[in-house]
Full PDB file with SEQRES, HELIX, SHEET, SSBOND, CRYST1, ORIGX, SCALE, CONECT and MASTER records, all heavy atoms in Angstrom:
SEQRES   1 A   36  LYS GLU ARG GLY SER GLU LEU ALA GLU ILE HIS LYS THR          
SEQRES   2 A   36  VAL ILE ARG PRO TRP GLY SER TYR ALA ILE LEU GLU GLU          
SEQRES   3 A   36  GLY PRO GLN TYR LYS ILE LYS LYS ILE THR                      
HELIX    1 AA1 GLU A    6  ALA A    8  5                                   3    
SHEET    1 AA1 3 THR A  13  ARG A  16  0                                        
SHEET    2 AA1 3 GLY A  19  GLY A  27 -1                                        
SHEET    3 AA1 3 TYR A  30  ILE A  35 -1                                        
CRYST1    1.000    1.000    1.000  90.00  90.00  90.00 P 1           1          
ORIGX1      1.000000  0.000000  0.000000        0.00000                         
ORIGX2      0.000000  1.000000  0.000000        0.00000                         
ORIGX3      0.000000  0.000000  1.000000        0.00000                         
SCALE1      1.000000  0.000000  0.000000        0.00000                         
SCALE2      0.000000  1.000000  0.000000        0.00000                         
SCALE3      0.000000  0.000000  1.000000        0.00000                         
ATOM      1  N   LYS A   1      52.140 100.998  65.980  1.00  0.00           N  
ATOM      2  CA  LYS A   1      51.482  99.735  66.060  1.00  0.00           C  
ATOM      3  C   LYS A   1      50.566  99.513  64.877  1.00  0.00           C  
ATOM      4  O   LYS A   1      50.489  98.420  64.288  1.00  0.00           O  
ATOM      5  CB  LYS A   1      50.682  99.632  67.367  1.00  0.00           C  
ATOM      6  CG  LYS A   1      51.522  99.466  68.607  1.00  0.00           C  
ATOM      7  CD  LYS A   1      50.671  99.366  69.852  1.00  0.00           C  
ATOM      8  CE  LYS A   1      51.492  99.154  71.105  1.00  0.00           C  
ATOM      9  NZ  LYS A   1      50.672  99.103  72.346  1.00  0.00           N  
ATOM     10  N   GLU A   2      49.849 100.590  64.452  1.00  0.00           N  
ATOM     11  CA  GLU A   2      48.990 100.490  63.307  1.00  0.00           C  
ATOM     12  C   GLU A   2      49.742 100.173  62.050  1.00  0.00           C  
ATOM     13  O   GLU A   2      49.249  99.493  61.110  1.00  0.00           O  
ATOM     14  CB  GLU A   2      48.216 101.794  63.119  1.00  0.00           C  
ATOM     15  CG  GLU A   2      47.120 102.028  64.162  1.00  0.00           C  
ATOM     16  CD  GLU A   2      46.504 103.425  64.066  1.00  0.00           C  
ATOM     17  OE1 GLU A   2      46.849 104.138  63.130  1.00  0.00           O  
ATOM     18  OE2 GLU A   2      45.705 103.724  64.951  1.00  0.00           O  
ATOM     19  N   ARG A   3      50.984 100.631  61.980  1.00  0.00           N  
ATOM     20  CA  ARG A   3      51.863 100.339  60.796  1.00  0.00           C  
ATOM     21  C   ARG A   3      52.494  98.976  60.886  1.00  0.00           C  
ATOM     22  O   ARG A   3      53.170  98.554  59.923  1.00  0.00           O  
ATOM     23  CB  ARG A   3      52.962 101.402  60.717  1.00  0.00           C  
ATOM     24  CG  ARG A   3      52.502 102.811  60.464  1.00  0.00           C  
ATOM     25  CD  ARG A   3      53.707 103.761  60.446  1.00  0.00           C  
ATOM     26  NE  ARG A   3      53.309 105.137  60.414  1.00  0.00           N  
ATOM     27  CZ  ARG A   3      54.179 106.138  60.397  1.00  0.00           C  
ATOM     28  NH1 ARG A   3      55.475 105.893  60.400  1.00  0.00           N  
ATOM     29  NH2 ARG A   3      53.764 107.403  60.346  1.00  0.00           N  
ATOM     30  N   GLY A   4      52.339  98.311  62.005  1.00  0.00           N  
ATOM     31  CA  GLY A   4      53.008  96.988  62.182  1.00  0.00           C  
ATOM     32  C   GLY A   4      54.479  97.114  62.493  1.00  0.00           C  
ATOM     33  O   GLY A   4      55.220  96.165  62.274  1.00  0.00           O  
ATOM     34  N   SER A   5      54.925  98.253  62.986  1.00  0.00           N  
ATOM     35  CA  SER A   5      56.371  98.474  63.244  1.00  0.00           C  
ATOM     36  C   SER A   5      56.765  97.829  64.578  1.00  0.00           C  
ATOM     37  O   SER A   5      56.097  97.962  65.576  1.00  0.00           O  
ATOM     38  CB  SER A   5      56.636  99.986  63.315  1.00  0.00           C  
ATOM     39  OG  SER A   5      57.976 100.195  63.738  1.00  0.00           O  
ATOM     40  N   GLU A   6      57.914  97.144  64.543  1.00  0.00           N  
ATOM     41  CA  GLU A   6      58.484  96.580  65.772  1.00  0.00           C  
ATOM     42  C   GLU A   6      59.049  97.626  66.689  1.00  0.00           C  
ATOM     43  O   GLU A   6      59.353  97.331  67.884  1.00  0.00           O  
ATOM     44  CB  GLU A   6      59.565  95.558  65.406  1.00  0.00           C  
ATOM     45  CG  GLU A   6      59.034  94.290  64.717  1.00  0.00           C  
ATOM     46  CD  GLU A   6      60.161  93.293  64.420  1.00  0.00           C  
ATOM     47  OE1 GLU A   6      61.339  93.692  64.462  1.00  0.00           O  
ATOM     48  OE2 GLU A   6      59.849  92.117  64.139  1.00  0.00           O  
ATOM     49  N   LEU A   7      59.206  98.867  66.242  1.00  0.00           N  
ATOM     50  CA  LEU A   7      59.773  99.906  67.056  1.00  0.00           C  
ATOM     51  C   LEU A   7      58.908 100.239  68.290  1.00  0.00           C  
ATOM     52  O   LEU A   7      59.412 100.779  69.263  1.00  0.00           O  
ATOM     53  CB  LEU A   7      59.922 101.177  66.254  1.00  0.00           C  
ATOM     54  CG  LEU A   7      61.033 101.170  65.156  1.00  0.00           C  
ATOM     55  CD1 LEU A   7      60.951 102.403  64.295  1.00  0.00           C  
ATOM     56  CD2 LEU A   7      62.359 101.048  65.797  1.00  0.00           C  
ATOM     57  N   ALA A   8      57.615  99.847  68.251  1.00  0.00           N  
ATOM     58  CA  ALA A   8      56.763 100.074  69.405  1.00  0.00           C  
ATOM     59  C   ALA A   8      57.036  99.070  70.534  1.00  0.00           C  
ATOM     60  O   ALA A   8      56.694  99.333  71.690  1.00  0.00           O  
ATOM     61  CB  ALA A   8      55.293  99.972  69.000  1.00  0.00           C  
ATOM     62  N   GLU A   9      57.715  97.962  70.190  1.00  0.00           N  
ATOM     63  CA  GLU A   9      57.837  96.901  71.170  1.00  0.00           C  
ATOM     64  C   GLU A   9      59.275  96.571  71.579  1.00  0.00           C  
ATOM     65  O   GLU A   9      59.549  96.237  72.725  1.00  0.00           O  
ATOM     66  CB  GLU A   9      57.165  95.594  70.639  1.00  0.00           C  
ATOM     67  CG  GLU A   9      55.641  95.808  70.422  1.00  0.00           C  
ATOM     68  CD  GLU A   9      54.934  94.476  70.344  1.00  0.00           C  
ATOM     69  OE1 GLU A   9      55.576  93.439  70.251  1.00  0.00           O  
ATOM     70  OE2 GLU A   9      53.701  94.501  70.376  1.00  0.00           O  
ATOM     71  N   ILE A  10      60.192  96.661  70.655  1.00  0.00           N  
ATOM     72  CA  ILE A  10      61.575  96.206  70.984  1.00  0.00           C  
ATOM     73  C   ILE A  10      62.598  97.267  70.613  1.00  0.00           C  
ATOM     74  O   ILE A  10      62.386  98.091  69.695  1.00  0.00           O  
ATOM     75  CB  ILE A  10      61.939  94.878  70.248  1.00  0.00           C  
ATOM     76  CG1 ILE A  10      61.867  95.062  68.732  1.00  0.00           C  
ATOM     77  CG2 ILE A  10      61.002  93.761  70.696  1.00  0.00           C  
ATOM     78  CD1 ILE A  10      62.363  93.832  67.984  1.00  0.00           C  
ATOM     79  N   HIS A  11      63.732  97.257  71.349  1.00  0.00           N  
ATOM     80  CA  HIS A  11      64.877  98.072  71.022  1.00  0.00           C  
ATOM     81  C   HIS A  11      65.771  97.254  70.072  1.00  0.00           C  
ATOM     82  O   HIS A  11      65.510  96.077  69.817  1.00  0.00           O  
ATOM     83  CB  HIS A  11      65.680  98.394  72.292  1.00  0.00           C  
ATOM     84  CG  HIS A  11      64.992  99.312  73.220  1.00  0.00           C  
ATOM     85  ND1 HIS A  11      63.981  98.878  74.067  1.00  0.00           N  
ATOM     86  CD2 HIS A  11      65.120 100.644  73.504  1.00  0.00           C  
ATOM     87  CE1 HIS A  11      63.551  99.859  74.812  1.00  0.00           C  
ATOM     88  NE2 HIS A  11      64.225 100.975  74.455  1.00  0.00           N  
ATOM     89  N   LYS A  12      66.819  97.874  69.610  1.00  0.00           N  
ATOM     90  CA  LYS A  12      67.770  97.115  68.799  1.00  0.00           C  
ATOM     91  C   LYS A  12      68.480  96.020  69.591  1.00  0.00           C  
ATOM     92  O   LYS A  12      68.832  94.994  69.048  1.00  0.00           O  
ATOM     93  CB  LYS A  12      68.806  98.092  68.156  1.00  0.00           C  
ATOM     94  CG  LYS A  12      68.339  98.718  66.892  1.00  0.00           C  
ATOM     95  CD  LYS A  12      69.502  99.115  66.011  1.00  0.00           C  
ATOM     96  CE  LYS A  12      69.019  99.463  64.597  1.00  0.00           C  
ATOM     97  NZ  LYS A  12      70.122  99.824  63.714  1.00  0.00           N  
ATOM     98  N   THR A  13      68.677  96.275  70.881  1.00  0.00           N  
ATOM     99  CA  THR A  13      69.201  95.255  71.741  1.00  0.00           C  
ATOM    100  C   THR A  13      68.042  94.708  72.569  1.00  0.00           C  
ATOM    101  O   THR A  13      67.355  95.473  73.254  1.00  0.00           O  
ATOM    102  CB  THR A  13      70.336  95.751  72.673  1.00  0.00           C  
ATOM    103  OG1 THR A  13      71.414  96.176  71.857  1.00  0.00           O  
ATOM    104  CG2 THR A  13      70.785  94.682  73.612  1.00  0.00           C  
ATOM    105  N   VAL A  14      67.819  93.398  72.524  1.00  0.00           N  
ATOM    106  CA  VAL A  14      66.680  92.757  73.165  1.00  0.00           C  
ATOM    107  C   VAL A  14      67.180  91.760  74.193  1.00  0.00           C  
ATOM    108  O   VAL A  14      67.999  90.900  73.862  1.00  0.00           O  
ATOM    109  CB  VAL A  14      65.762  92.084  72.148  1.00  0.00           C  
ATOM    110  CG1 VAL A  14      64.558  91.434  72.832  1.00  0.00           C  
ATOM    111  CG2 VAL A  14      65.295  93.061  71.071  1.00  0.00           C  
ATOM    112  N   ILE A  15      66.664  91.879  75.434  1.00  0.00           N  
ATOM    113  CA  ILE A  15      67.034  90.944  76.513  1.00  0.00           C  
ATOM    114  C   ILE A  15      66.190  89.688  76.376  1.00  0.00           C  
ATOM    115  O   ILE A  15      64.989  89.763  76.244  1.00  0.00           O  
ATOM    116  CB  ILE A  15      66.868  91.576  77.873  1.00  0.00           C  
ATOM    117  CG1 ILE A  15      67.602  92.935  77.974  1.00  0.00           C  
ATOM    118  CG2 ILE A  15      67.342  90.604  78.976  1.00  0.00           C  
ATOM    119  CD1 ILE A  15      69.085  92.821  77.788  1.00  0.00           C  
ATOM    120  N   ARG A  16      66.844  88.537  76.458  1.00  0.00           N  
ATOM    121  CA  ARG A  16      66.171  87.254  76.435  1.00  0.00           C  
ATOM    122  C   ARG A  16      66.584  86.457  77.682  1.00  0.00           C  
ATOM    123  O   ARG A  16      67.641  86.780  78.272  1.00  0.00           O  
ATOM    124  CB  ARG A  16      66.500  86.478  75.144  1.00  0.00           C  
ATOM    125  CG  ARG A  16      65.815  87.040  73.915  1.00  0.00           C  
ATOM    126  CD  ARG A  16      64.331  86.750  73.996  1.00  0.00           C  
ATOM    127  NE  ARG A  16      63.608  87.088  72.770  1.00  0.00           N  
ATOM    128  CZ  ARG A  16      62.749  88.106  72.665  1.00  0.00           C  
ATOM    129  NH1 ARG A  16      62.570  88.867  73.711  1.00  0.00           N  
ATOM    130  NH2 ARG A  16      62.114  88.321  71.549  1.00  0.00           N  
ATOM    131  N   PRO A  17      65.858  85.430  78.062  1.00  0.00           N  
ATOM    132  CA  PRO A  17      66.247  84.651  79.272  1.00  0.00           C  
ATOM    133  C   PRO A  17      67.605  83.986  79.157  1.00  0.00           C  
ATOM    134  O   PRO A  17      68.260  83.738  80.160  1.00  0.00           O  
ATOM    135  CB  PRO A  17      65.118  83.626  79.416  1.00  0.00           C  
ATOM    136  CG  PRO A  17      64.432  83.614  78.094  1.00  0.00           C  
ATOM    137  CD  PRO A  17      64.568  84.969  77.524  1.00  0.00           C  
ATOM    138  N   TRP A  18      68.030  83.707  77.927  1.00  0.00           N  
ATOM    139  CA  TRP A  18      69.324  83.056  77.718  1.00  0.00           C  
ATOM    140  C   TRP A  18      70.469  84.061  77.480  1.00  0.00           C  
ATOM    141  O   TRP A  18      71.622  83.666  77.401  1.00  0.00           O  
ATOM    142  CB  TRP A  18      69.233  82.127  76.525  1.00  0.00           C  
ATOM    143  CG  TRP A  18      68.447  82.663  75.352  1.00  0.00           C  
ATOM    144  CD1 TRP A  18      67.180  82.366  75.048  1.00  0.00           C  
ATOM    145  CD2 TRP A  18      68.895  83.585  74.369  1.00  0.00           C  
ATOM    146  NE1 TRP A  18      66.762  83.038  73.909  1.00  0.00           N  
ATOM    147  CE2 TRP A  18      67.820  83.819  73.488  1.00  0.00           C  
ATOM    148  CE3 TRP A  18      70.106  84.266  74.128  1.00  0.00           C  
ATOM    149  CZ2 TRP A  18      67.918  84.677  72.382  1.00  0.00           C  
ATOM    150  CZ3 TRP A  18      70.193  85.130  73.054  1.00  0.00           C  
ATOM    151  CH2 TRP A  18      69.103  85.305  72.186  1.00  0.00           C  
ATOM    152  N   GLY A  19      70.152  85.348  77.324  1.00  0.00           N  
ATOM    153  CA  GLY A  19      71.182  86.337  77.020  1.00  0.00           C  
ATOM    154  C   GLY A  19      70.564  87.531  76.345  1.00  0.00           C  
ATOM    155  O   GLY A  19      69.611  88.152  76.874  1.00  0.00           O  
ATOM    156  N   SER A  20      71.057  87.901  75.161  1.00  0.00           N  
ATOM    157  CA  SER A  20      70.516  89.029  74.453  1.00  0.00           C  
ATOM    158  C   SER A  20      70.880  88.964  72.964  1.00  0.00           C  
ATOM    159  O   SER A  20      71.777  88.183  72.583  1.00  0.00           O  
ATOM    160  CB  SER A  20      71.060  90.364  75.019  1.00  0.00           C  
ATOM    161  OG  SER A  20      72.483  90.433  74.823  1.00  0.00           O  
ATOM    162  N   TYR A  21      70.168  89.741  72.184  1.00  0.00           N  
ATOM    163  CA  TYR A  21      70.601  89.940  70.762  1.00  0.00           C  
ATOM    164  C   TYR A  21      70.489  91.413  70.392  1.00  0.00           C  
ATOM    165  O   TYR A  21      69.650  92.166  70.958  1.00  0.00           O  
ATOM    166  CB  TYR A  21      69.810  89.043  69.805  1.00  0.00           C  
ATOM    167  CG  TYR A  21      68.359  89.421  69.555  1.00  0.00           C  
ATOM    168  CD1 TYR A  21      68.032  90.457  68.687  1.00  0.00           C  
ATOM    169  CD2 TYR A  21      67.364  88.747  70.197  1.00  0.00           C  
ATOM    170  CE1 TYR A  21      66.704  90.786  68.446  1.00  0.00           C  
ATOM    171  CE2 TYR A  21      66.007  89.057  70.000  1.00  0.00           C  
ATOM    172  CZ  TYR A  21      65.709  90.110  69.121  1.00  0.00           C  
ATOM    173  OH  TYR A  21      64.369  90.430  68.892  1.00  0.00           O  
ATOM    174  N   ALA A  22      71.350  91.855  69.500  1.00  0.00           N  
ATOM    175  CA  ALA A  22      71.344  93.219  69.010  1.00  0.00           C  
ATOM    176  C   ALA A  22      71.236  93.162  67.475  1.00  0.00           C  
ATOM    177  O   ALA A  22      71.976  92.407  66.824  1.00  0.00           O  
ATOM    178  CB  ALA A  22      72.593  93.985  69.413  1.00  0.00           C  
ATOM    179  N   ILE A  23      70.335  93.963  66.916  1.00  0.00           N  
ATOM    180  CA  ILE A  23      70.210  94.010  65.460  1.00  0.00           C  
ATOM    181  C   ILE A  23      71.243  95.005  64.930  1.00  0.00           C  
ATOM    182  O   ILE A  23      71.186  96.192  65.223  1.00  0.00           O  
ATOM    183  CB  ILE A  23      68.788  94.445  65.044  1.00  0.00           C  
ATOM    184  CG1 ILE A  23      67.733  93.446  65.574  1.00  0.00           C  
ATOM    185  CG2 ILE A  23      68.679  94.569  63.526  1.00  0.00           C  
ATOM    186  CD1 ILE A  23      66.320  93.864  65.393  1.00  0.00           C  
ATOM    187  N   LEU A  24      72.188  94.498  64.156  1.00  0.00           N  
ATOM    188  CA  LEU A  24      73.288  95.358  63.648  1.00  0.00           C  
ATOM    189  C   LEU A  24      72.875  96.023  62.350  1.00  0.00           C  
ATOM    190  O   LEU A  24      73.259  97.188  62.057  1.00  0.00           O  
ATOM    191  CB  LEU A  24      74.530  94.523  63.402  1.00  0.00           C  
ATOM    192  CG  LEU A  24      75.050  93.743  64.632  1.00  0.00           C  
ATOM    193  CD1 LEU A  24      76.297  92.935  64.270  1.00  0.00           C  
ATOM    194  CD2 LEU A  24      75.369  94.716  65.797  1.00  0.00           C  
ATOM    195  N   GLU A  25      72.118  95.328  61.532  1.00  0.00           N  
ATOM    196  CA  GLU A  25      71.679  95.878  60.218  1.00  0.00           C  
ATOM    197  C   GLU A  25      70.526  95.050  59.718  1.00  0.00           C  
ATOM    198  O   GLU A  25      70.455  93.828  59.949  1.00  0.00           O  
ATOM    199  CB  GLU A  25      72.837  95.841  59.228  1.00  0.00           C  
ATOM    200  CG  GLU A  25      72.558  96.504  57.905  1.00  0.00           C  
ATOM    201  CD  GLU A  25      73.716  96.506  56.941  1.00  0.00           C  
ATOM    202  OE1 GLU A  25      74.855  96.399  57.405  1.00  0.00           O  
ATOM    203  OE2 GLU A  25      73.480  96.590  55.716  1.00  0.00           O  
ATOM    204  N   GLU A  26      69.605  95.709  59.013  1.00  0.00           N  
ATOM    205  CA  GLU A  26      68.516  94.951  58.376  1.00  0.00           C  
ATOM    206  C   GLU A  26      68.015  95.716  57.169  1.00  0.00           C  
ATOM    207  O   GLU A  26      68.152  96.919  57.074  1.00  0.00           O  
ATOM    208  CB  GLU A  26      67.374  94.652  59.361  1.00  0.00           C  
ATOM    209  CG  GLU A  26      66.667  95.848  59.931  1.00  0.00           C  
ATOM    210  CD  GLU A  26      65.590  95.479  60.930  1.00  0.00           C  
ATOM    211  OE1 GLU A  26      64.835  94.502  60.650  1.00  0.00           O  
ATOM    212  OE2 GLU A  26      65.490  96.104  61.993  1.00  0.00           O  
ATOM    213  N   GLY A  27      67.427  94.965  56.278  1.00  0.00           N  
ATOM    214  CA  GLY A  27      66.891  95.565  55.026  1.00  0.00           C  
ATOM    215  C   GLY A  27      65.916  94.564  54.447  1.00  0.00           C  
ATOM    216  O   GLY A  27      65.597  93.529  55.062  1.00  0.00           O  
ATOM    217  N   PRO A  28      65.446  94.816  53.237  1.00  0.00           N  
ATOM    218  CA  PRO A  28      64.538  93.886  52.549  1.00  0.00           C  
ATOM    219  C   PRO A  28      65.154  92.474  52.452  1.00  0.00           C  
ATOM    220  O   PRO A  28      66.245  92.319  51.871  1.00  0.00           O  
ATOM    221  CB  PRO A  28      64.324  94.500  51.186  1.00  0.00           C  
ATOM    222  CG  PRO A  28      64.631  95.951  51.396  1.00  0.00           C  
ATOM    223  CD  PRO A  28      65.729  95.985  52.390  1.00  0.00           C  
ATOM    224  N   GLN A  29      64.546  91.510  53.085  1.00  0.00           N  
ATOM    225  CA  GLN A  29      64.899  90.106  52.982  1.00  0.00           C  
ATOM    226  C   GLN A  29      66.247  89.720  53.653  1.00  0.00           C  
ATOM    227  O   GLN A  29      66.800  88.680  53.363  1.00  0.00           O  
ATOM    228  CB  GLN A  29      64.918  89.628  51.487  1.00  0.00           C  
ATOM    229  CG  GLN A  29      63.564  89.812  50.846  1.00  0.00           C  
ATOM    230  CD  GLN A  29      63.502  89.250  49.429  1.00  0.00           C  
ATOM    231  OE1 GLN A  29      64.528  89.014  48.822  1.00  0.00           O  
ATOM    232  NE2 GLN A  29      62.283  89.025  48.942  1.00  0.00           N  
ATOM    233  N   TYR A  30      66.743  90.592  54.568  1.00  0.00           N  
ATOM    234  CA  TYR A  30      67.897  90.209  55.345  1.00  0.00           C  
ATOM    235  C   TYR A  30      67.955  90.918  56.663  1.00  0.00           C  
ATOM    236  O   TYR A  30      67.369  91.998  56.839  1.00  0.00           O  
ATOM    237  CB  TYR A  30      69.201  90.445  54.550  1.00  0.00           C  
ATOM    238  CG  TYR A  30      69.692  91.868  54.619  1.00  0.00           C  
ATOM    239  CD1 TYR A  30      70.625  92.273  55.558  1.00  0.00           C  
ATOM    240  CD2 TYR A  30      69.237  92.819  53.694  1.00  0.00           C  
ATOM    241  CE1 TYR A  30      71.052  93.592  55.615  1.00  0.00           C  
ATOM    242  CE2 TYR A  30      69.706  94.134  53.728  1.00  0.00           C  
ATOM    243  CZ  TYR A  30      70.607  94.512  54.699  1.00  0.00           C  
ATOM    244  OH  TYR A  30      71.043  95.813  54.749  1.00  0.00           O  
ATOM    245  N   LYS A  31      68.652  90.301  57.641  1.00  0.00           N  
ATOM    246  CA  LYS A  31      68.867  90.900  58.974  1.00  0.00           C  
ATOM    247  C   LYS A  31      70.154  90.305  59.526  1.00  0.00           C  
ATOM    248  O   LYS A  31      70.416  89.119  59.404  1.00  0.00           O  
ATOM    249  CB  LYS A  31      67.694  90.569  59.902  1.00  0.00           C  
ATOM    250  CG  LYS A  31      67.806  91.249  61.292  1.00  0.00           C  
ATOM    251  CD  LYS A  31      66.633  90.763  62.212  1.00  0.00           C  
ATOM    252  CE  LYS A  31      65.316  91.359  61.751  1.00  0.00           C  
ATOM    253  NZ  LYS A  31      64.243  91.003  62.723  1.00  0.00           N  
ATOM    254  N   ILE A  32      70.964  91.161  60.171  1.00  0.00           N  
ATOM    255  CA  ILE A  32      72.230  90.730  60.781  1.00  0.00           C  
ATOM    256  C   ILE A  32      72.159  91.034  62.290  1.00  0.00           C  
ATOM    257  O   ILE A  32      71.870  92.156  62.668  1.00  0.00           O  
ATOM    258  CB  ILE A  32      73.466  91.427  60.146  1.00  0.00           C  
ATOM    259  CG1 ILE A  32      73.493  91.158  58.658  1.00  0.00           C  
ATOM    260  CG2 ILE A  32      74.738  90.942  60.798  1.00  0.00           C  
ATOM    261  CD1 ILE A  32      74.539  91.943  57.920  1.00  0.00           C  
ATOM    262  N   LYS A  33      72.422  90.004  63.086  1.00  0.00           N  
ATOM    263  CA  LYS A  33      72.331  90.146  64.545  1.00  0.00           C  
ATOM    264  C   LYS A  33      73.652  89.774  65.215  1.00  0.00           C  
ATOM    265  O   LYS A  33      74.379  88.875  64.711  1.00  0.00           O  
ATOM    266  CB  LYS A  33      71.253  89.197  65.121  1.00  0.00           C  
ATOM    267  CG  LYS A  33      69.828  89.537  64.872  1.00  0.00           C  
ATOM    268  CD  LYS A  33      68.951  88.483  65.536  1.00  0.00           C  
ATOM    269  CE  LYS A  33      67.481  88.799  65.401  1.00  0.00           C  
ATOM    270  NZ  LYS A  33      66.651  87.737  66.046  1.00  0.00           N  
ATOM    271  N   LYS A  34      73.915  90.378  66.366  1.00  0.00           N  
ATOM    272  CA  LYS A  34      74.901  89.912  67.283  1.00  0.00           C  
ATOM    273  C   LYS A  34      74.173  89.230  68.442  1.00  0.00           C  
ATOM    274  O   LYS A  34      73.344  89.830  69.126  1.00  0.00           O  
ATOM    275  CB  LYS A  34      75.742  91.077  67.831  1.00  0.00           C  
ATOM    276  CG  LYS A  34      76.736  90.691  68.911  1.00  0.00           C  
ATOM    277  CD  LYS A  34      77.415  91.910  69.496  1.00  0.00           C  
ATOM    278  CE  LYS A  34      78.317  91.567  70.675  1.00  0.00           C  
ATOM    279  NZ  LYS A  34      78.914  92.775  71.292  1.00  0.00           N  
ATOM    280  N   ILE A  35      74.455  87.935  68.663  1.00  0.00           N  
ATOM    281  CA  ILE A  35      73.757  87.136  69.657  1.00  0.00           C  
ATOM    282  C   ILE A  35      74.750  86.800  70.798  1.00  0.00           C  
ATOM    283  O   ILE A  35      75.851  86.273  70.494  1.00  0.00           O  
ATOM    284  CB  ILE A  35      73.181  85.882  69.074  1.00  0.00           C  
ATOM    285  CG1 ILE A  35      72.073  86.191  68.010  1.00  0.00           C  
ATOM    286  CG2 ILE A  35      72.590  84.946  70.144  1.00  0.00           C  
ATOM    287  CD1 ILE A  35      71.473  85.039  67.335  1.00  0.00           C  
ATOM    288  N   THR A  36      74.359  87.078  72.009  1.00  0.00           N  
ATOM    289  CA  THR A  36      75.168  86.786  73.187  1.00  0.00           C  
ATOM    290  C   THR A  36      74.440  85.780  74.057  1.00  0.00           C  
ATOM    291  O   THR A  36      73.255  86.028  74.439  1.00  0.00           O  
ATOM    292  CB  THR A  36      75.486  88.052  73.995  1.00  0.00           C  
ATOM    293  OG1 THR A  36      76.171  88.970  73.142  1.00  0.00           O  
ATOM    294  CG2 THR A  36      76.379  87.725  75.166  1.00  0.00           C  
TER     295      THR A  36                                                      
MASTER        0    0    0    1    3    0    0    6  294    1    0    3          
END                                                                             
């Protein structure tokens, strides 16, 4: 949390009220998701 990392709060697959999303890959200035 002190580092500002999202790893403390979310998994790669995140449940949302409309479905879910999974982070497939990310790096500086980009992110690729699978959204269901």
